[in-house]
Protein backbone atom coordinates (compact mmCIF):
# COMPACT_ATOMS: atom_id res chain seq x y z
CA UNK A 1 -35.80 49.34 75.02
CA UNK A 2 -38.51 51.94 75.92
CA UNK A 3 -37.21 55.15 77.19
CA UNK A 4 -38.92 57.52 79.58
CA UNK A 5 -40.36 61.01 78.54
CA UNK A 6 -37.57 62.84 80.25
CA UNK A 7 -34.89 60.78 78.36
CA UNK A 8 -36.67 61.32 75.06
CA UNK A 9 -36.93 65.08 75.60
CA UNK A 10 -33.26 65.39 76.69
CA UNK A 11 -32.07 63.30 73.64
CA UNK A 12 -33.71 65.83 71.26
CA UNK A 13 -31.10 68.34 72.09
CA UNK A 14 -28.27 65.96 71.07
CA UNK A 15 -27.26 65.28 67.43
CA UNK A 16 -26.47 61.53 67.50
CA UNK A 17 -24.37 61.85 64.32
CA UNK A 18 -22.25 64.73 65.61
CA UNK A 19 -19.00 64.74 67.46
CA UNK A 20 -18.71 67.63 69.94
CA UNK A 21 -15.79 69.33 71.47
CA UNK A 22 -15.34 69.19 75.26
CA UNK A 23 -17.22 72.49 76.11
CA UNK A 24 -20.24 71.62 73.89
CA UNK A 25 -20.38 68.06 75.15
CA UNK A 26 -20.15 69.06 78.84
CA UNK A 27 -23.03 71.69 78.34
CA UNK A 28 -25.27 69.11 76.57
CA UNK A 29 -24.54 66.41 79.11
CA UNK A 30 -25.59 68.74 82.06
CA UNK A 31 -28.79 69.60 80.32
CA UNK A 32 -29.44 65.87 79.60
CA UNK A 33 -29.26 65.17 83.41
CA UNK A 34 -32.95 65.65 84.24
CA UNK A 35 -33.49 63.02 86.95
CA UNK A 36 -34.63 64.09 90.45
CA UNK A 37 -31.22 63.20 92.04
CA UNK A 38 -27.84 64.64 91.31
CA UNK A 39 -26.71 62.33 88.50
CA UNK A 40 -23.07 61.17 88.13
CA UNK A 41 -21.54 62.24 84.71
CA UNK A 42 -19.49 59.30 83.35
CA UNK A 43 -16.83 59.06 80.60
CA UNK A 44 -16.95 55.89 78.43
CA UNK A 45 -13.74 55.63 76.45
CA UNK A 46 -13.44 52.84 73.81
CA UNK A 47 -9.90 51.92 73.16
CA UNK A 48 -8.09 49.99 70.46
CA UNK A 49 -6.29 47.98 73.06
CA UNK A 50 -6.45 44.30 73.52
CA UNK A 51 -6.73 43.71 77.20
CA UNK A 52 -5.93 39.97 76.74
CA UNK A 53 -2.30 40.97 76.21
CA UNK A 54 -0.73 42.02 79.51
CA UNK A 55 1.31 44.80 77.79
CA UNK A 56 -1.95 46.34 76.55
CA UNK A 57 -3.76 46.35 79.90
CA UNK A 58 -4.34 49.88 80.94
CA UNK A 59 -4.81 50.47 84.68
CA UNK A 60 -3.95 53.51 86.75
CA UNK A 61 -5.33 56.23 88.93
CA UNK A 62 -5.66 60.08 88.74
CA UNK A 63 -6.78 62.72 91.18
CA UNK A 64 -9.60 64.80 89.63
CA UNK A 65 -9.02 68.49 90.52
CA UNK A 66 -12.66 68.98 91.66
CA UNK A 67 -13.28 65.50 93.01
CA UNK A 68 -16.13 63.17 92.09
CA UNK A 69 -18.82 64.75 94.14
CA UNK A 70 -19.16 61.46 95.99
CA UNK A 71 -18.17 60.77 99.60
CA UNK A 72 -15.88 57.70 99.42
CA UNK A 73 -15.52 55.28 102.26
CA UNK A 74 -12.03 53.98 102.60
CA UNK A 75 -10.91 50.75 104.25
CA UNK A 76 -7.28 50.45 105.27
CA UNK A 77 -5.84 47.00 106.07
CA UNK A 78 -2.56 47.42 107.89
CA UNK A 79 -0.70 46.62 111.11
CA UNK A 80 1.33 48.31 113.76
CA UNK A 81 1.89 51.95 113.52
CA UNK A 82 0.19 52.12 110.12
CA UNK A 83 -3.11 51.38 111.81
CA UNK A 84 -2.73 54.69 113.77
CA UNK A 85 -1.50 56.45 110.74
CA UNK A 86 -4.53 55.42 108.67
CA UNK A 87 -6.92 56.51 111.40
CA UNK A 88 -5.18 59.89 111.68
CA UNK A 89 -5.46 60.28 107.88
CA UNK A 90 -9.25 59.92 108.09
CA UNK A 91 -9.73 56.34 106.78
CA UNK A 92 -13.32 55.22 107.54
CA UNK A 93 -12.44 51.67 108.51
CA UNK A 94 -9.02 50.50 109.69
CA UNK A 95 -7.98 46.99 110.79
CA UNK A 96 -5.77 44.01 110.24
CA UNK A 97 -6.12 40.28 109.76
CA UNK A 98 -9.23 40.24 111.90
CA UNK A 99 -11.24 41.96 109.10
CA UNK A 100 -10.64 39.08 106.59
CA UNK A 101 -13.43 36.72 107.95
CA UNK A 102 -15.80 39.69 108.37
CA UNK A 103 -15.41 40.31 104.59
CA UNK A 104 -15.09 36.73 103.46
CA UNK A 105 -17.77 35.07 105.69
CA UNK A 106 -20.08 37.82 106.76
CA UNK A 107 -20.18 39.61 103.44
CA UNK A 108 -19.23 43.01 104.97
CA UNK A 109 -18.58 45.39 101.99
CA UNK A 110 -19.45 48.77 103.39
CA UNK A 111 -16.60 50.60 101.68
CA UNK A 112 -15.73 51.96 98.26
CA UNK A 113 -11.87 51.66 98.19
CA UNK A 114 -9.51 49.22 99.97
CA UNK A 115 -5.92 50.35 100.70
CA UNK A 116 -3.40 47.80 101.97
CA UNK A 117 0.22 47.91 103.07
CA UNK A 118 2.54 45.58 101.19
CA UNK A 119 3.09 43.43 104.25
CA UNK A 120 -0.58 42.62 104.44
CA UNK A 121 -1.01 41.60 100.84
CA UNK A 122 -0.44 37.95 101.71
CA UNK A 123 -3.47 38.13 104.02
CA UNK A 124 -5.55 40.42 101.64
CA UNK A 125 -4.84 37.89 98.81
CA UNK A 126 -7.37 35.55 100.46
CA UNK A 127 -10.06 38.11 99.59
CA UNK A 128 -9.36 37.93 95.84
CA UNK A 129 -12.55 36.03 94.99
CA UNK A 130 -14.70 38.51 97.03
CA UNK A 131 -12.93 41.81 96.20
CA UNK A 132 -11.70 41.00 92.71
CA UNK A 133 -14.96 40.84 90.81
CA UNK A 134 -16.15 43.97 92.58
CA UNK A 135 -12.99 45.96 91.44
CA UNK A 136 -12.00 46.38 95.09
CA UNK A 137 -8.74 44.51 95.12
CA UNK A 138 -5.79 46.70 96.25
CA UNK A 139 -3.32 47.22 93.37
CA UNK A 140 0.18 48.91 93.32
CA UNK A 141 -0.64 50.47 89.83
CA UNK A 142 -3.66 52.30 91.35
CA UNK A 143 -1.69 53.35 94.47
CA UNK A 144 -3.74 51.29 96.83
CA UNK A 145 -0.88 49.03 97.82
CA UNK A 146 1.47 51.28 99.64
CA UNK A 147 3.22 52.03 102.88
CA UNK A 148 2.33 55.70 102.53
CA UNK A 149 -1.26 55.23 103.85
CA UNK A 150 -1.70 58.94 104.64
CA UNK A 151 -1.02 60.03 101.08
CA UNK A 152 -3.27 57.13 99.74
CA UNK A 153 -6.26 58.05 101.97
CA UNK A 154 -5.81 61.88 101.36
CA UNK A 155 -5.70 61.45 97.56
CA UNK A 156 -8.82 59.06 97.49
CA UNK A 157 -10.78 61.47 99.75
CA UNK A 158 -9.78 64.38 97.44
CA UNK A 159 -11.20 62.62 94.41
CA UNK A 160 -8.75 60.07 93.17
CA UNK A 161 -10.35 57.62 90.67
CA UNK A 162 -9.08 54.47 89.20
CA UNK A 163 -9.34 53.79 85.50
CA UNK A 164 -8.97 50.32 83.88
CA UNK A 165 -10.09 48.42 80.76
CA UNK A 166 -13.27 46.27 81.12
CA UNK A 167 -13.62 43.03 79.19
CA UNK A 168 -14.68 44.92 76.04
CA UNK A 169 -11.69 47.22 76.22
CA UNK A 170 -13.61 50.21 77.37
CA UNK A 171 -12.85 52.55 80.20
CA UNK A 172 -15.74 53.65 82.34
CA UNK A 173 -15.12 56.41 84.90
CA UNK A 174 -16.97 59.13 86.76
CA UNK A 175 -15.86 62.79 86.05
CA UNK A 176 -18.21 64.54 88.54
CA UNK A 177 -21.85 65.26 89.27
CA UNK A 178 -24.43 67.07 87.12
CA UNK A 179 -24.45 69.73 89.75
CA UNK A 180 -20.89 70.61 89.06
CA UNK A 181 -20.20 73.73 86.91
CA UNK A 182 -19.33 73.23 83.22
CA UNK A 183 -15.71 74.39 83.94
CA UNK A 184 -15.39 71.84 86.83
CA UNK A 185 -16.61 68.93 84.59
CA UNK A 186 -14.41 70.04 81.73
CA UNK A 187 -11.34 70.31 84.08
CA UNK A 188 -12.03 66.87 85.51
CA UNK A 189 -12.52 65.29 82.10
CA UNK A 190 -9.32 66.83 80.70
CA UNK A 191 -7.25 65.64 83.63
CA UNK A 192 -8.62 62.08 83.09
CA UNK A 193 -7.90 62.28 79.35
CA UNK A 194 -4.34 63.49 79.98
CA UNK A 195 -3.68 60.57 82.20
CA UNK A 196 -5.17 58.08 79.80
CA UNK A 197 -3.28 59.54 76.90
CA UNK A 198 0.05 59.12 78.96
CA UNK A 199 -0.94 55.45 79.65
CA UNK A 200 -1.04 54.54 75.88
CA UNK A 201 0.74 51.16 75.59
CA UNK A 202 3.97 51.34 73.52
CA UNK A 203 3.15 48.04 71.82
CA UNK A 204 -0.30 49.16 70.53
CA UNK A 205 -0.50 49.30 66.76
CA UNK A 206 -3.31 51.38 65.25
CA UNK A 207 -5.80 53.80 66.86
CA UNK A 208 -5.60 54.15 70.59
CA UNK A 209 -8.80 55.98 71.49
CA UNK A 210 -11.61 54.95 69.22
CA UNK A 211 -14.57 56.89 70.73
CA UNK A 212 -15.42 58.92 73.73
CA UNK A 213 -18.91 59.40 75.22
CA UNK A 214 -20.08 61.48 78.17
CA UNK A 215 -23.31 60.45 79.72
CA UNK A 216 -25.34 61.23 82.90
CA UNK A 217 -26.62 58.21 85.04
CA UNK A 218 -30.11 58.34 83.51
CA UNK A 219 -29.73 60.32 80.36
CA UNK A 220 -28.48 60.00 76.77
CA UNK A 221 -24.88 59.99 75.92
CA UNK A 222 -22.97 62.74 73.99
CA UNK A 223 -20.18 61.77 71.65
CA UNK A 224 -16.95 63.78 71.58
CA UNK A 225 -14.55 64.36 68.80
CA UNK A 226 -11.60 62.00 69.54
CA UNK A 227 -9.41 64.27 67.30
CA UNK A 228 -9.99 67.25 69.53
CA UNK A 229 -9.56 65.37 72.87
CA UNK A 230 -7.08 62.54 72.46
CA UNK A 231 -3.70 63.47 71.23
């Protein structure tokens, strides 16, 4: 794959054979973000889990102390007084059963996170084929199936992110923007790692975290020392 000039220049500052501590990695990854827009900084965490086994499926959510730098559009599917509660909490879109055909048939997906009350999950279940592949299906483990819609909306707006294994047992999550300070990125990253370390499956044999890379949207990745980050 041919890389652009900016990518090649940025990559010169990074020793591909080295494993950096958090402060060094954050400093390097900020310098590697040379695109004309405010790049997202993502963490890519390769685990020793086997997601084919239910007990080794890692999934959860954590509120990053400095947010993600992205304005998140929240859809709440509820009924009764929970509709008013969601609106008061600042949800971008709120509705009930009438939203199902709009999403299912009209392809409306102008939102980033879906929150649903438990009494609406029978209805929301019909959207599995649409929302599932996009990672938008509400889930109790992620705190997006709840009666406390105020708390759910507030946390998502404050920078709550969901982490989960992909098919190759890697977790991909944003930890902020290139415009963040090094301290903000390091704080967010450490908060994420603390949550992932706590989520270690008890049934796992062998190494839990195999590798960690921080990378900007368009730039080269920086490898971190697992020993210094994952306890």
